[in-house]
Amino acid sequence: MFEKDFSEDKVKLRTIKGIKFKLSEKVVNIPNVGKVKIVGVLMEGQKKVKYLVSTNYKKKAENIINEYIKRCKIEESNEKPTVFRNSPVITGESIEGISRF
């Protein structure tokens, strides 16, 4: 979705909490949900774009990233109940992915 945006001049370079990012953002309309902002994030040293979504489409991309960073730290500090560890929603891989962001 955003790959071509990262090769053009639409990319914003930002440093948030010591981490360098390339950002691209779009507001899209999702049926039965409404407008959402999708932020494509390419972190320094990474090759894959990560996508963050906010239902507050007026919020700045940098603020959306800050919320996700804060949320990940909260989730890391709370131990996951064993019943959820092998669920399709929360797997070891998804927990690891959250921790790395």
N, C-alpha and C. Protein backbone atom coordinates (compact mmCIF):
# COMPACT_ATOMS: atom_id res chain seq x y z
N MET A 1 0.82 -1.20 0.00
CA MET A 1 0.00 0.00 0.00
C MET A 1 0.86 1.26 0.00
N PHE A 2 1.91 1.27 0.83
CA PHE A 2 2.71 2.48 0.98
C PHE A 2 4.08 2.37 0.30
N GLU A 3 4.42 1.22 -0.29
CA GLU A 3 5.76 1.03 -0.83
C GLU A 3 6.16 2.15 -1.77
N LYS A 4 5.25 2.52 -2.68
CA LYS A 4 5.59 3.59 -3.63
C LYS A 4 5.74 4.93 -2.91
N ASP A 5 5.00 5.12 -1.82
CA ASP A 5 5.12 6.37 -1.06
C ASP A 5 6.51 6.51 -0.43
N PHE A 6 7.12 5.38 -0.07
CA PHE A 6 8.43 5.43 0.55
C PHE A 6 9.54 5.68 -0.46
N SER A 7 9.25 5.50 -1.74
CA SER A 7 10.27 5.76 -2.75
C SER A 7 10.14 7.17 -3.33
N GLU A 8 9.10 7.88 -2.96
CA GLU A 8 8.88 9.22 -3.49
C GLU A 8 9.21 10.27 -2.42
N ASP A 9 8.95 11.52 -2.74
CA ASP A 9 9.26 12.62 -1.81
C ASP A 9 8.19 12.82 -0.74
N LYS A 10 7.20 11.93 -0.66
CA LYS A 10 6.12 12.07 0.32
C LYS A 10 6.55 11.64 1.72
N VAL A 11 7.73 11.06 1.84
CA VAL A 11 8.18 10.50 3.11
C VAL A 11 8.58 11.61 4.07
N LYS A 12 8.14 11.45 5.32
CA LYS A 12 8.55 12.36 6.39
C LYS A 12 9.59 11.63 7.22
N LEU A 13 10.69 12.27 7.49
CA LEU A 13 11.72 11.69 8.36
C LEU A 13 11.53 12.25 9.76
N ARG A 14 11.43 11.37 10.74
CA ARG A 14 11.19 11.79 12.11
C ARG A 14 12.05 10.96 13.07
N THR A 15 12.36 11.54 14.22
CA THR A 15 12.99 10.81 15.31
C THR A 15 12.07 10.94 16.51
N ILE A 16 11.62 9.80 17.01
CA ILE A 16 10.71 9.77 18.15
C ILE A 16 11.32 8.86 19.21
N LYS A 17 11.55 9.42 20.39
CA LYS A 17 12.14 8.68 21.51
C LYS A 17 13.44 7.98 21.09
N GLY A 18 14.25 8.69 20.30
CA GLY A 18 15.56 8.17 19.89
C GLY A 18 15.54 7.19 18.73
N ILE A 19 14.37 6.91 18.18
CA ILE A 19 14.25 5.97 17.06
C ILE A 19 13.95 6.76 15.80
N LYS A 20 14.71 6.49 14.72
CA LYS A 20 14.49 7.19 13.46
C LYS A 20 13.46 6.43 12.63
N PHE A 21 12.51 7.19 12.06
CA PHE A 21 11.42 6.62 11.27
C PHE A 21 11.29 7.34 9.94
N LYS A 22 10.79 6.61 8.95
CA LYS A 22 10.26 7.22 7.74
C LYS A 22 8.76 6.98 7.82
N LEU A 23 7.98 8.03 7.62
CA LEU A 23 6.53 7.93 7.76
C LEU A 23 5.81 8.27 6.47
N SER A 24 4.72 7.59 6.25
CA SER A 24 3.79 7.94 5.19
C SER A 24 2.40 7.72 5.76
N GLU A 25 1.47 8.60 5.45
CA GLU A 25 0.14 8.47 6.05
C GLU A 25 -0.95 8.72 5.03
N LYS A 26 -2.08 8.04 5.24
CA LYS A 26 -3.25 8.22 4.38
C LYS A 26 -4.50 8.12 5.24
N VAL A 27 -5.51 8.87 4.85
CA VAL A 27 -6.83 8.75 5.48
C VAL A 27 -7.70 8.00 4.49
N VAL A 28 -8.33 6.93 4.96
CA VAL A 28 -9.20 6.12 4.11
C VAL A 28 -10.54 5.94 4.81
N ASN A 29 -11.56 5.64 4.03
CA ASN A 29 -12.89 5.38 4.58
C ASN A 29 -13.14 3.88 4.56
N ILE A 30 -13.41 3.31 5.72
CA ILE A 30 -13.70 1.88 5.83
C ILE A 30 -15.19 1.74 6.10
N PRO A 31 -15.90 0.97 5.26
CA PRO A 31 -17.34 0.79 5.46
C PRO A 31 -17.65 0.28 6.87
N ASN A 32 -18.69 0.81 7.45
CA ASN A 32 -19.16 0.46 8.80
C ASN A 32 -18.20 0.89 9.91
N VAL A 33 -17.12 1.56 9.57
CA VAL A 33 -16.18 2.07 10.57
C VAL A 33 -16.07 3.58 10.44
N GLY A 34 -15.89 4.05 9.22
CA GLY A 34 -15.71 5.48 8.97
C GLY A 34 -14.29 5.77 8.56
N LYS A 35 -13.90 7.03 8.70
CA LYS A 35 -12.55 7.43 8.31
C LYS A 35 -11.54 6.97 9.36
N VAL A 36 -10.43 6.44 8.86
CA VAL A 36 -9.31 6.06 9.72
C VAL A 36 -8.02 6.58 9.10
N LYS A 37 -7.02 6.78 9.93
CA LYS A 37 -5.70 7.15 9.42
C LYS A 37 -4.81 5.92 9.49
N ILE A 38 -4.18 5.61 8.37
CA ILE A 38 -3.21 4.52 8.31
C ILE A 38 -1.84 5.16 8.18
N VAL A 39 -0.95 4.79 9.09
CA VAL A 39 0.40 5.33 9.08
C VAL A 39 1.36 4.19 8.73
N GLY A 40 2.09 4.35 7.64
CA GLY A 40 3.13 3.41 7.27
C GLY A 40 4.42 3.86 7.93
N VAL A 41 5.07 2.94 8.64
CA VAL A 41 6.28 3.28 9.39
C VAL A 41 7.41 2.37 8.95
N LEU A 42 8.50 2.97 8.52
CA LEU A 42 9.70 2.21 8.18
C LEU A 42 10.80 2.67 9.14
N MET A 43 11.15 1.77 10.07
CA MET A 43 12.16 2.12 11.07
C MET A 43 13.55 1.96 10.48
N GLU A 44 14.47 2.76 10.99
CA GLU A 44 15.85 2.72 10.53
C GLU A 44 16.41 1.31 10.69
N GLY A 45 17.04 0.80 9.64
CA GLY A 45 17.64 -0.52 9.68
C GLY A 45 16.67 -1.65 9.38
N GLN A 46 15.41 -1.35 9.10
CA GLN A 46 14.42 -2.39 8.79
C GLN A 46 14.01 -2.30 7.33
N LYS A 47 13.55 -3.42 6.79
CA LYS A 47 13.15 -3.45 5.38
C LYS A 47 11.65 -3.52 5.20
N LYS A 48 10.93 -3.96 6.23
CA LYS A 48 9.48 -4.12 6.12
C LYS A 48 8.76 -2.94 6.76
N VAL A 49 7.77 -2.44 6.05
CA VAL A 49 6.94 -1.36 6.57
C VAL A 49 5.94 -1.93 7.57
N LYS A 50 5.75 -1.24 8.68
CA LYS A 50 4.72 -1.61 9.66
C LYS A 50 3.59 -0.61 9.51
N TYR A 51 2.36 -1.07 9.70
CA TYR A 51 1.20 -0.21 9.52
C TYR A 51 0.48 -0.03 10.85
N LEU A 52 0.21 1.21 11.18
CA LEU A 52 -0.53 1.55 12.39
C LEU A 52 -1.83 2.22 11.97
N VAL A 53 -2.90 1.93 12.69
CA VAL A 53 -4.22 2.45 12.33
C VAL A 53 -4.81 3.20 13.52
N SER A 54 -5.43 4.34 13.23
CA SER A 54 -6.11 5.11 14.27
C SER A 54 -7.48 5.54 13.76
N THR A 55 -8.50 5.39 14.60
CA THR A 55 -9.83 5.87 14.22
C THR A 55 -9.92 7.38 14.34
N ASN A 56 -8.95 8.00 15.00
CA ASN A 56 -8.89 9.46 15.06
C ASN A 56 -8.04 9.92 13.88
N TYR A 57 -8.69 10.11 12.74
CA TYR A 57 -7.97 10.40 11.50
C TYR A 57 -7.36 11.80 11.47
N LYS A 58 -7.69 12.64 12.44
CA LYS A 58 -7.11 13.98 12.49
C LYS A 58 -5.81 14.02 13.31
N LYS A 59 -5.52 12.94 14.01
CA LYS A 59 -4.34 12.89 14.87
C LYS A 59 -3.07 12.83 14.02
N LYS A 60 -2.02 13.50 14.49
CA LYS A 60 -0.73 13.49 13.79
C LYS A 60 -0.12 12.09 13.84
N ALA A 61 0.58 11.74 12.78
CA ALA A 61 1.22 10.42 12.70
C ALA A 61 2.18 10.20 13.87
N GLU A 62 2.91 11.23 14.25
CA GLU A 62 3.86 11.11 15.35
C GLU A 62 3.16 10.76 16.66
N ASN A 63 1.98 11.32 16.88
CA ASN A 63 1.22 11.02 18.10
C ASN A 63 0.69 9.59 18.08
N ILE A 64 0.31 9.11 16.90
CA ILE A 64 -0.15 7.72 16.78
C ILE A 64 1.00 6.78 17.12
N ILE A 65 2.19 7.07 16.62
CA ILE A 65 3.36 6.24 16.93
C ILE A 65 3.65 6.26 18.42
N ASN A 66 3.61 7.42 19.04
CA ASN A 66 3.84 7.52 20.49
C ASN A 66 2.86 6.66 21.27
N GLU A 67 1.60 6.64 20.86
CA GLU A 67 0.60 5.82 21.55
C GLU A 67 0.90 4.34 21.40
N TYR A 68 1.31 3.92 20.20
CA TYR A 68 1.65 2.51 20.00
C TYR A 68 2.87 2.12 20.82
N ILE A 69 3.88 3.00 20.88
CA ILE A 69 5.07 2.71 21.68
C ILE A 69 4.68 2.55 23.15
N LYS A 70 3.86 3.46 23.66
CA LYS A 70 3.42 3.40 25.06
C LYS A 70 2.60 2.13 25.29
N ARG A 71 1.71 1.80 24.36
CA ARG A 71 0.86 0.62 24.49
C ARG A 71 1.70 -0.65 24.54
N CYS A 72 2.72 -0.73 23.70
CA CYS A 72 3.58 -1.91 23.68
C CYS A 72 4.31 -2.08 25.00
N LYS A 73 4.75 -0.99 25.60
CA LYS A 73 5.45 -1.07 26.88
C LYS A 73 4.50 -1.55 27.97
N ILE A 74 3.24 -1.13 27.92
CA ILE A 74 2.25 -1.58 28.90
C ILE A 74 2.00 -3.07 28.72
N GLU A 75 1.84 -3.52 27.46
CA GLU A 75 1.58 -4.93 27.21
C GLU A 75 2.78 -5.79 27.60
N GLU A 76 3.99 -5.29 27.42
CA GLU A 76 5.18 -6.04 27.82
C GLU A 76 5.22 -6.23 29.33
N SER A 77 4.77 -5.23 30.08
CA SER A 77 4.85 -5.31 31.54
C SER A 77 3.77 -6.19 32.14
N ASN A 78 2.71 -6.47 31.41
CA ASN A 78 1.65 -7.35 31.90
C ASN A 78 1.87 -8.75 31.36
N GLU A 79 1.95 -9.72 32.26
CA GLU A 79 2.14 -11.09 31.81
C GLU A 79 0.87 -11.59 31.15
N LYS A 80 1.03 -12.25 30.01
CA LYS A 80 -0.11 -12.80 29.27
C LYS A 80 -0.57 -14.09 29.96
N PRO A 81 -1.87 -14.25 30.20
CA PRO A 81 -2.36 -15.51 30.77
C PRO A 81 -2.05 -16.67 29.83
N THR A 82 -1.69 -17.83 30.40
CA THR A 82 -1.31 -18.97 29.57
C THR A 82 -2.41 -19.40 28.63
N VAL A 83 -3.65 -19.20 28.98
CA VAL A 83 -4.75 -19.62 28.11
C VAL A 83 -4.71 -18.88 26.77
N PHE A 84 -4.15 -17.66 26.75
CA PHE A 84 -4.12 -16.88 25.52
C PHE A 84 -2.83 -17.05 24.72
N ARG A 85 -1.81 -17.65 25.29
CA ARG A 85 -0.51 -17.70 24.62
C ARG A 85 -0.54 -18.42 23.29
N ASN A 86 -1.37 -19.44 23.13
CA ASN A 86 -1.42 -20.17 21.87
C ASN A 86 -2.67 -19.86 21.07
N SER A 87 -3.36 -18.81 21.42
CA SER A 87 -4.56 -18.44 20.68
C SER A 87 -4.16 -17.83 19.34
N PRO A 88 -5.07 -17.88 18.36
CA PRO A 88 -4.74 -17.28 17.06
C PRO A 88 -4.58 -15.77 17.13
N VAL A 89 -5.09 -15.15 18.18
CA VAL A 89 -5.00 -13.70 18.30
C VAL A 89 -3.65 -13.30 18.90
N ILE A 90 -3.23 -13.98 19.95
CA ILE A 90 -1.96 -13.66 20.60
C ILE A 90 -1.06 -14.89 20.51
N THR A 91 -0.08 -14.84 19.64
CA THR A 91 0.88 -15.93 19.52
C THR A 91 2.23 -15.42 19.99
N GLY A 92 3.14 -16.32 20.17
CA GLY A 92 4.49 -15.91 20.56
C GLY A 92 5.08 -14.96 19.54
N GLU A 93 4.79 -15.21 18.26
CA GLU A 93 5.33 -14.35 17.21
C GLU A 93 4.75 -12.94 17.29
N SER A 94 3.43 -12.83 17.55
CA SER A 94 2.83 -11.50 17.61
C SER A 94 3.29 -10.75 18.85
N ILE A 95 3.49 -11.47 19.95
CA ILE A 95 4.01 -10.83 21.15
C ILE A 95 5.42 -10.32 20.89
N GLU A 96 6.23 -11.14 20.21
CA GLU A 96 7.60 -10.72 19.88
C GLU A 96 7.58 -9.51 18.96
N GLY A 97 6.66 -9.50 18.00
CA GLY A 97 6.54 -8.36 17.09
C GLY A 97 6.17 -7.09 17.82
N ILE A 98 5.29 -7.21 18.81
CA ILE A 98 4.90 -6.05 19.60
C ILE A 98 6.09 -5.56 20.40
N SER A 99 6.85 -6.48 20.99
CA SER A 99 7.98 -6.10 21.82
C SER A 99 9.05 -5.36 21.01
N ARG A 100 9.26 -5.79 19.77
CA ARG A 100 10.29 -5.16 18.96
C ARG A 100 9.92 -3.76 18.57
N PHE A 101 8.63 -3.46 18.41
CA PHE A 101 8.23 -2.12 18.01
C PHE A 101 8.41 -1.20 19.17
